[in-house]
Amino acid sequence: MIGILNRSKRNQEKVMIYYIDRKNHVTQRIIRVINIKDDVIVAYCFYRKKIRTFTITNILSAGPIQKRISA
């Protein structure tokens, strides 16, 4: 998972994460990682349209965005 987040930072790629927020709700976010420090990630969140901070231990999974293929 850290490898995917590092690649997002390095290549400025969007990634999808599943995250547990402060209220213990699981949320799905599309982010672009800006910086990784100790146990937090600073990223642009496309859902909130703001730069947000995510605790790494609260990220349940991370993966690349699937590109849609149309017929």
PDB file of N, CA and C in Angstrom:
ATOM      1  N   MET A   1       0.818  -1.197   0.000  1.00  0.00           N
ATOM      2  CA  MET A   1       0.000   0.000   0.000  1.00  0.00           C
ATOM      3  C   MET A   1       0.864   1.263   0.000  1.00  0.00           C
ATOM      4  N   ILE A   2       1.913   1.280   0.785  1.00  0.00           N
ATOM      5  CA  ILE A   2       2.803   2.444   0.811  1.00  0.00           C
ATOM      6  C   ILE A   2       3.419   2.662  -0.562  1.00  0.00           C
ATOM      7  N   GLY A   3       3.712   1.575  -1.281  1.00  0.00           N
ATOM      8  CA  GLY A   3       4.271   1.691  -2.629  1.00  0.00           C
ATOM      9  C   GLY A   3       3.322   2.419  -3.567  1.00  0.00           C
ATOM     10  N   ILE A   4       2.036   2.126  -3.480  1.00  0.00           N
ATOM     11  CA  ILE A   4       1.039   2.799  -4.324  1.00  0.00           C
ATOM     12  C   ILE A   4       0.960   4.273  -3.968  1.00  0.00           C
ATOM     13  N   LEU A   5       1.016   4.591  -2.678  1.00  0.00           N
ATOM     14  CA  LEU A   5       0.952   5.983  -2.244  1.00  0.00           C
ATOM     15  C   LEU A   5       2.208   6.748  -2.660  1.00  0.00           C
ATOM     16  N   ASN A   6       3.365   6.096  -2.558  1.00  0.00           N
ATOM     17  CA  ASN A   6       4.609   6.730  -3.019  1.00  0.00           C
ATOM     18  C   ASN A   6       4.573   6.984  -4.522  1.00  0.00           C
ATOM     19  N   ARG A   7       4.028   6.029  -5.286  1.00  0.00           N
ATOM     20  CA  ARG A   7       3.927   6.198  -6.735  1.00  0.00           C
ATOM     21  C   ARG A   7       2.986   7.342  -7.084  1.00  0.00           C
ATOM     22  N   SER A   8       1.908   7.494  -6.309  1.00  0.00           N
ATOM     23  CA  SER A   8       0.990   8.611  -6.520  1.00  0.00           C
ATOM     24  C   SER A   8       1.715   9.940  -6.330  1.00  0.00           C
ATOM     25  N   LYS A   9       2.543   9.999  -5.310  1.00  0.00           N
ATOM     26  CA  LYS A   9       3.320  11.227  -5.057  1.00  0.00           C
ATOM     27  C   LYS A   9       4.321  11.477  -6.176  1.00  0.00           C
ATOM     28  N   ARG A  10       5.060  10.445  -6.538  1.00  0.00           N
ATOM     29  CA  ARG A  10       6.125  10.567  -7.531  1.00  0.00           C
ATOM     30  C   ARG A  10       5.585  10.915  -8.919  1.00  0.00           C
ATOM     31  N   ASN A  11       4.487  10.257  -9.324  1.00  0.00           N
ATOM     32  CA  ASN A  11       3.952  10.430 -10.686  1.00  0.00           C
ATOM     33  C   ASN A  11       2.726  11.338 -10.751  1.00  0.00           C
ATOM     34  N   GLN A  12       2.333  11.891  -9.599  1.00  0.00           N
ATOM     35  CA  GLN A  12       1.149  12.741  -9.510  1.00  0.00           C
ATOM     36  C   GLN A  12      -0.085  12.018 -10.063  1.00  0.00           C
ATOM     37  N   GLU A  13      -0.242  10.754  -9.665  1.00  0.00           N
ATOM     38  CA  GLU A  13      -1.374   9.928 -10.099  1.00  0.00           C
ATOM     39  C   GLU A  13      -2.473   9.950  -9.043  1.00  0.00           C
ATOM     40  N   LYS A  14      -3.704   9.800  -9.490  1.00  0.00           N
ATOM     41  CA  LYS A  14      -4.827   9.647  -8.573  1.00  0.00           C
ATOM     42  C   LYS A  14      -4.868   8.210  -8.078  1.00  0.00           C
ATOM     43  N   VAL A  15      -5.225   8.038  -6.809  1.00  0.00           N
ATOM     44  CA  VAL A  15      -5.451   6.717  -6.248  1.00  0.00           C
ATOM     45  C   VAL A  15      -6.748   6.739  -5.449  1.00  0.00           C
ATOM     46  N   MET A  16      -7.356   5.570  -5.317  1.00  0.00           N
ATOM     47  CA  MET A  16      -8.564   5.445  -4.512  1.00  0.00           C
ATOM     48  C   MET A  16      -8.187   4.808  -3.187  1.00  0.00           C
ATOM     49  N   ILE A  17      -8.669   5.395  -2.096  1.00  0.00           N
ATOM     50  CA  ILE A  17      -8.425   4.813  -0.784  1.00  0.00           C
ATOM     51  C   ILE A  17      -9.747   4.571  -0.078  1.00  0.00           C
ATOM     52  N   TYR A  18      -9.738   3.594   0.793  1.00  0.00           N
ATOM     53  CA  TYR A  18     -10.828   3.375   1.740  1.00  0.00           C
ATOM     54  C   TYR A  18     -10.254   3.730   3.097  1.00  0.00           C
ATOM     55  N   TYR A  19     -10.952   4.617   3.807  1.00  0.00           N
ATOM     56  CA  TYR A  19     -10.401   5.271   4.976  1.00  0.00           C
ATOM     57  C   TYR A  19     -11.412   5.265   6.115  1.00  0.00           C
ATOM     58  N   ILE A  20     -10.942   5.060   7.355  1.00  0.00           N
ATOM     59  CA  ILE A  20     -11.799   5.177   8.534  1.00  0.00           C
ATOM     60  C   ILE A  20     -11.644   6.584   9.077  1.00  0.00           C
ATOM     61  N   ASP A  21     -12.746   7.347   9.096  1.00  0.00           N
ATOM     62  CA  ASP A  21     -12.668   8.730   9.576  1.00  0.00           C
ATOM     63  C   ASP A  21     -12.767   8.792  11.101  1.00  0.00           C
ATOM     64  N   ARG A  22     -12.785  10.010  11.640  1.00  0.00           N
ATOM     65  CA  ARG A  22     -12.805  10.204  13.097  1.00  0.00           C
ATOM     66  C   ARG A  22     -14.057   9.642  13.763  1.00  0.00           C
ATOM     67  N   LYS A  23     -15.137   9.525  12.995  1.00  0.00           N
ATOM     68  CA  LYS A  23     -16.396   9.001  13.538  1.00  0.00           C
ATOM     69  C   LYS A  23     -16.541   7.496  13.298  1.00  0.00           C
ATOM     70  N   ASN A  24     -15.446   6.861  12.897  1.00  0.00           N
ATOM     71  CA  ASN A  24     -15.412   5.418  12.594  1.00  0.00           C
ATOM     72  C   ASN A  24     -16.282   5.026  11.413  1.00  0.00           C
ATOM     73  N   HIS A  25     -16.488   5.934  10.487  1.00  0.00           N
ATOM     74  CA  HIS A  25     -17.179   5.623   9.240  1.00  0.00           C
ATOM     75  C   HIS A  25     -16.135   5.306   8.175  1.00  0.00           C
ATOM     76  N   VAL A  26     -16.414   4.296   7.363  1.00  0.00           N
ATOM     77  CA  VAL A  26     -15.524   3.969   6.254  1.00  0.00           C
ATOM     78  C   VAL A  26     -15.934   4.829   5.068  1.00  0.00           C
ATOM     79  N   THR A  27     -14.970   5.562   4.528  1.00  0.00           N
ATOM     80  CA  THR A  27     -15.243   6.413   3.382  1.00  0.00           C
ATOM     81  C   THR A  27     -14.329   6.026   2.230  1.00  0.00           C
ATOM     82  N   GLN A  28     -14.806   6.277   1.042  1.00  0.00           N
ATOM     83  CA  GLN A  28     -14.021   6.028  -0.170  1.00  0.00           C
ATOM     84  C   GLN A  28     -13.612   7.393  -0.707  1.00  0.00           C
ATOM     85  N   ARG A  29     -12.325   7.574  -0.953  1.00  0.00           N
ATOM     86  CA  ARG A  29     -11.826   8.856  -1.439  1.00  0.00           C
ATOM     87  C   ARG A  29     -10.899   8.648  -2.633  1.00  0.00           C
ATOM     88  N   ILE A  30     -10.936   9.582  -3.549  1.00  0.00           N
ATOM     89  CA  ILE A  30      -9.953   9.637  -4.627  1.00  0.00           C
ATOM     90  C   ILE A  30      -9.022  10.785  -4.269  1.00  0.00           C
ATOM     91  N   ILE A  31      -7.730  10.466  -4.173  1.00  0.00           N
ATOM     92  CA  ILE A  31      -6.752  11.454  -3.731  1.00  0.00           C
ATOM     93  C   ILE A  31      -5.554  11.483  -4.671  1.00  0.00           C
ATOM     94  N   ARG A  32      -4.787  12.553  -4.568  1.00  0.00           N
ATOM     95  CA  ARG A  32      -3.466  12.641  -5.192  1.00  0.00           C
ATOM     96  C   ARG A  32      -2.512  13.029  -4.077  1.00  0.00           C
ATOM     97  N   VAL A  33      -1.542  12.167  -3.776  1.00  0.00           N
ATOM     98  CA  VAL A  33      -0.634  12.372  -2.654  1.00  0.00           C
ATOM     99  C   VAL A  33       0.319  13.527  -2.950  1.00  0.00           C
ATOM    100  N   ILE A  34       0.444  14.410  -1.976  1.00  0.00           N
ATOM    101  CA  ILE A  34       1.364  15.548  -2.070  1.00  0.00           C
ATOM    102  C   ILE A  34       2.625  15.272  -1.268  1.00  0.00           C
ATOM    103  N   ASN A  35       2.434  14.739  -0.049  1.00  0.00           N
ATOM    104  CA  ASN A  35       3.579  14.480   0.812  1.00  0.00           C
ATOM    105  C   ASN A  35       3.256  13.339   1.776  1.00  0.00           C
ATOM    106  N   ILE A  36       4.300  12.609   2.172  1.00  0.00           N
ATOM    107  CA  ILE A  36       4.170  11.541   3.153  1.00  0.00           C
ATOM    108  C   ILE A  36       5.143  11.864   4.279  1.00  0.00           C
ATOM    109  N   LYS A  37       4.598  12.010   5.501  1.00  0.00           N
ATOM    110  CA  LYS A  37       5.413  12.321   6.677  1.00  0.00           C
ATOM    111  C   LYS A  37       5.075  11.326   7.780  1.00  0.00           C
ATOM    112  N   ASP A  38       6.076  10.666   8.306  1.00  0.00           N
ATOM    113  CA  ASP A  38       5.912   9.742   9.428  1.00  0.00           C
ATOM    114  C   ASP A  38       4.669   8.866   9.276  1.00  0.00           C
ATOM    115  N   ASP A  39       3.591   9.214   9.966  1.00  0.00           N
ATOM    116  CA  ASP A  39       2.393   8.380   9.937  1.00  0.00           C
ATOM    117  C   ASP A  39       1.196   9.075   9.294  1.00  0.00           C
ATOM    118  N   VAL A  40       1.436  10.153   8.542  1.00  0.00           N
ATOM    119  CA  VAL A  40       0.339  10.862   7.867  1.00  0.00           C
ATOM    120  C   VAL A  40       0.656  11.110   6.400  1.00  0.00           C
ATOM    121  N   ILE A  41      -0.415  11.251   5.634  1.00  0.00           N
ATOM    122  CA  ILE A  41      -0.298  11.575   4.220  1.00  0.00           C
ATOM    123  C   ILE A  41      -1.029  12.884   3.983  1.00  0.00           C
ATOM    124  N   VAL A  42      -0.374  13.804   3.314  1.00  0.00           N
ATOM    125  CA  VAL A  42      -1.010  15.042   2.887  1.00  0.00           C
ATOM    126  C   VAL A  42      -1.371  14.835   1.425  1.00  0.00           C
ATOM    127  N   ALA A  43      -2.655  15.034   1.100  1.00  0.00           N
ATOM    128  CA  ALA A  43      -3.114  14.745  -0.257  1.00  0.00           C
ATOM    129  C   ALA A  43      -4.241  15.689  -0.645  1.00  0.00           C
ATOM    130  N   TYR A  44      -4.387  15.870  -1.952  1.00  0.00           N
ATOM    131  CA  TYR A  44      -5.555  16.590  -2.456  1.00  0.00           C
ATOM    132  C   TYR A  44      -6.682  15.571  -2.553  1.00  0.00           C
ATOM    133  N   CYS A  45      -7.807  15.879  -1.899  1.00  0.00           N
ATOM    134  CA  CYS A  45      -8.976  15.000  -1.909  1.00  0.00           C
ATOM    135  C   CYS A  45      -9.970  15.531  -2.938  1.00  0.00           C
ATOM    136  N   PHE A  46     -10.270  14.727  -3.943  1.00  0.00           N
ATOM    137  CA  PHE A  46     -11.180  15.154  -5.008  1.00  0.00           C
ATOM    138  C   PHE A  46     -12.636  15.171  -4.527  1.00  0.00           C
ATOM    139  N   TYR A  47     -12.940  14.460  -3.449  1.00  0.00           N
ATOM    140  CA  TYR A  47     -14.292  14.466  -2.892  1.00  0.00           C
ATOM    141  C   TYR A  47     -14.569  15.792  -2.175  1.00  0.00           C
ATOM    142  N   ARG A  48     -13.631  16.206  -1.333  1.00  0.00           N
ATOM    143  CA  ARG A  48     -13.777  17.461  -0.580  1.00  0.00           C
ATOM    144  C   ARG A  48     -13.280  18.680  -1.353  1.00  0.00           C
ATOM    145  N   LYS A  49     -12.513  18.425  -2.417  1.00  0.00           N
ATOM    146  CA  LYS A  49     -11.896  19.489  -3.226  1.00  0.00           C
ATOM    147  C   LYS A  49     -11.008  20.395  -2.374  1.00  0.00           C
ATOM    148  N   LYS A  50     -10.251  19.736  -1.490  1.00  0.00           N
ATOM    149  CA  LYS A  50      -9.331  20.430  -0.587  1.00  0.00           C
ATOM    150  C   LYS A  50      -8.140  19.537  -0.293  1.00  0.00           C
ATOM    151  N   ILE A  51      -7.082  20.159   0.193  1.00  0.00           N
ATOM    152  CA  ILE A  51      -5.941  19.395   0.688  1.00  0.00           C
ATOM    153  C   ILE A  51      -6.308  18.883   2.070  1.00  0.00           C
ATOM    154  N   ARG A  52      -6.140  17.579   2.264  1.00  0.00           N
ATOM    155  CA  ARG A  52      -6.521  16.927   3.515  1.00  0.00           C
ATOM    156  C   ARG A  52      -5.350  16.102   4.037  1.00  0.00           C
ATOM    157  N   THR A  53      -5.408  15.779   5.328  1.00  0.00           N
ATOM    158  CA  THR A  53      -4.408  14.937   5.971  1.00  0.00           C
ATOM    159  C   THR A  53      -5.065  13.607   6.347  1.00  0.00           C
ATOM    160  N   PHE A  54      -4.423  12.505   5.999  1.00  0.00           N
ATOM    161  CA  PHE A  54      -4.929  11.172   6.287  1.00  0.00           C
ATOM    162  C   PHE A  54      -3.896  10.418   7.117  1.00  0.00           C
ATOM    163  N   THR A  55      -4.341   9.796   8.201  1.00  0.00           N
ATOM    164  CA  THR A  55      -3.465   8.962   9.018  1.00  0.00           C
ATOM    165  C   THR A  55      -3.281   7.616   8.315  1.00  0.00           C
ATOM    166  N   ILE A  56      -2.040   7.220   8.130  1.00  0.00           N
ATOM    167  CA  ILE A  56      -1.751   6.003   7.371  1.00  0.00           C
ATOM    168  C   ILE A  56      -2.404   4.780   8.003  1.00  0.00           C
ATOM    169  N   THR A  57      -2.425   4.693   9.327  1.00  0.00           N
ATOM    170  CA  THR A  57      -3.012   3.521   9.987  1.00  0.00           C
ATOM    171  C   THR A  57      -4.523   3.445   9.777  1.00  0.00           C
ATOM    172  N   ASN A  58      -5.161   4.545   9.391  1.00  0.00           N
ATOM    173  CA  ASN A  58      -6.607   4.551   9.136  1.00  0.00           C
ATOM    174  C   ASN A  58      -6.955   4.245   7.683  1.00  0.00           C
ATOM    175  N   ILE A  59      -5.957   4.111   6.831  1.00  0.00           N
ATOM    176  CA  ILE A  59      -6.208   3.747   5.439  1.00  0.00           C
ATOM    177  C   ILE A  59      -6.317   2.229   5.368  1.00  0.00           C
ATOM    178  N   LEU A  60      -7.496   1.753   5.000  1.00  0.00           N
ATOM    179  CA  LEU A  60      -7.731   0.311   4.936  1.00  0.00           C
ATOM    180  C   LEU A  60      -7.138  -0.308   3.684  1.00  0.00           C
ATOM    181  N   SER A  61      -7.256   0.402   2.550  1.00  0.00           N
ATOM    182  CA  SER A  61      -6.677  -0.080   1.298  1.00  0.00           C
ATOM    183  C   SER A  61      -6.474   1.094   0.352  1.00  0.00           C
ATOM    184  N   ALA A  62      -5.596   0.889  -0.590  1.00  0.00           N
ATOM    185  CA  ALA A  62      -5.304   1.899  -1.609  1.00  0.00           C
ATOM    186  C   ALA A  62      -5.042   1.182  -2.924  1.00  0.00           C
ATOM    187  N   GLY A  63      -5.500   1.787  -4.002  1.00  0.00           N
ATOM    188  CA  GLY A  63      -5.297   1.169  -5.304  1.00  0.00           C
ATOM    189  C   GLY A  63      -5.429   2.175  -6.420  1.00  0.00           C
ATOM    190  N   PRO A  64      -4.990   1.785  -7.593  1.00  0.00           N
ATOM    191  CA  PRO A  64      -5.087   2.690  -8.748  1.00  0.00           C
ATOM    192  C   PRO A  64      -6.532   2.889  -9.174  1.00  0.00           C
ATOM    193  N   ILE A  65      -6.791   3.986  -9.826  1.00  0.00           N
ATOM    194  CA  ILE A  65      -8.116   4.275 -10.375  1.00  0.00           C
ATOM    195  C   ILE A  65      -8.283   3.439 -11.635  1.00  0.00           C
ATOM    196  N   GLN A  66      -9.400   2.753 -11.728  1.00  0.00           N
ATOM    197  CA  GLN A  66      -9.685   1.953 -12.925  1.00  0.00           C
ATOM    198  C   GLN A  66     -10.181   2.871 -14.031  1.00  0.00           C
ATOM    199  N   LYS A  67      -9.555   2.800 -15.174  1.00  0.00           N
ATOM    200  CA  LYS A  67      -9.969   3.598 -16.310  1.00  0.00           C
ATOM    201  C   LYS A  67     -11.172   2.940 -16.982  1.00  0.00           C
ATOM    202  N   ARG A  68     -12.144   3.760 -17.328  1.00  0.00           N
ATOM    203  CA  ARG A  68     -13.336   3.234 -17.985  1.00  0.00           C
ATOM    204  C   ARG A  68     -13.059   3.030 -19.465  1.00  0.00           C
ATOM    205  N   ILE A  69     -13.532   1.909 -19.969  1.00  0.00           N
ATOM    206  CA  ILE A  69     -13.394   1.611 -21.395  1.00  0.00           C
ATOM    207  C   ILE A  69     -14.791   1.595 -21.988  1.00  0.00           C
ATOM    208  N   SER A  70     -15.005   2.439 -22.979  1.00  0.00           N
ATOM    209  CA  SER A  70     -16.324   2.484 -23.580  1.00  0.00           C
ATOM    210  C   SER A  70     -16.308   1.795 -24.949  1.00  0.00           C
ATOM    211  N   ALA A  71     -17.453   1.321 -25.342  1.00  0.00           N
ATOM    212  CA  ALA A  71     -17.564   0.599 -26.612  1.00  0.00           C
ATOM    213  C   ALA A  71     -17.830   1.539 -27.750  1.00  0.00           C
TER     214      ALA A  71
END
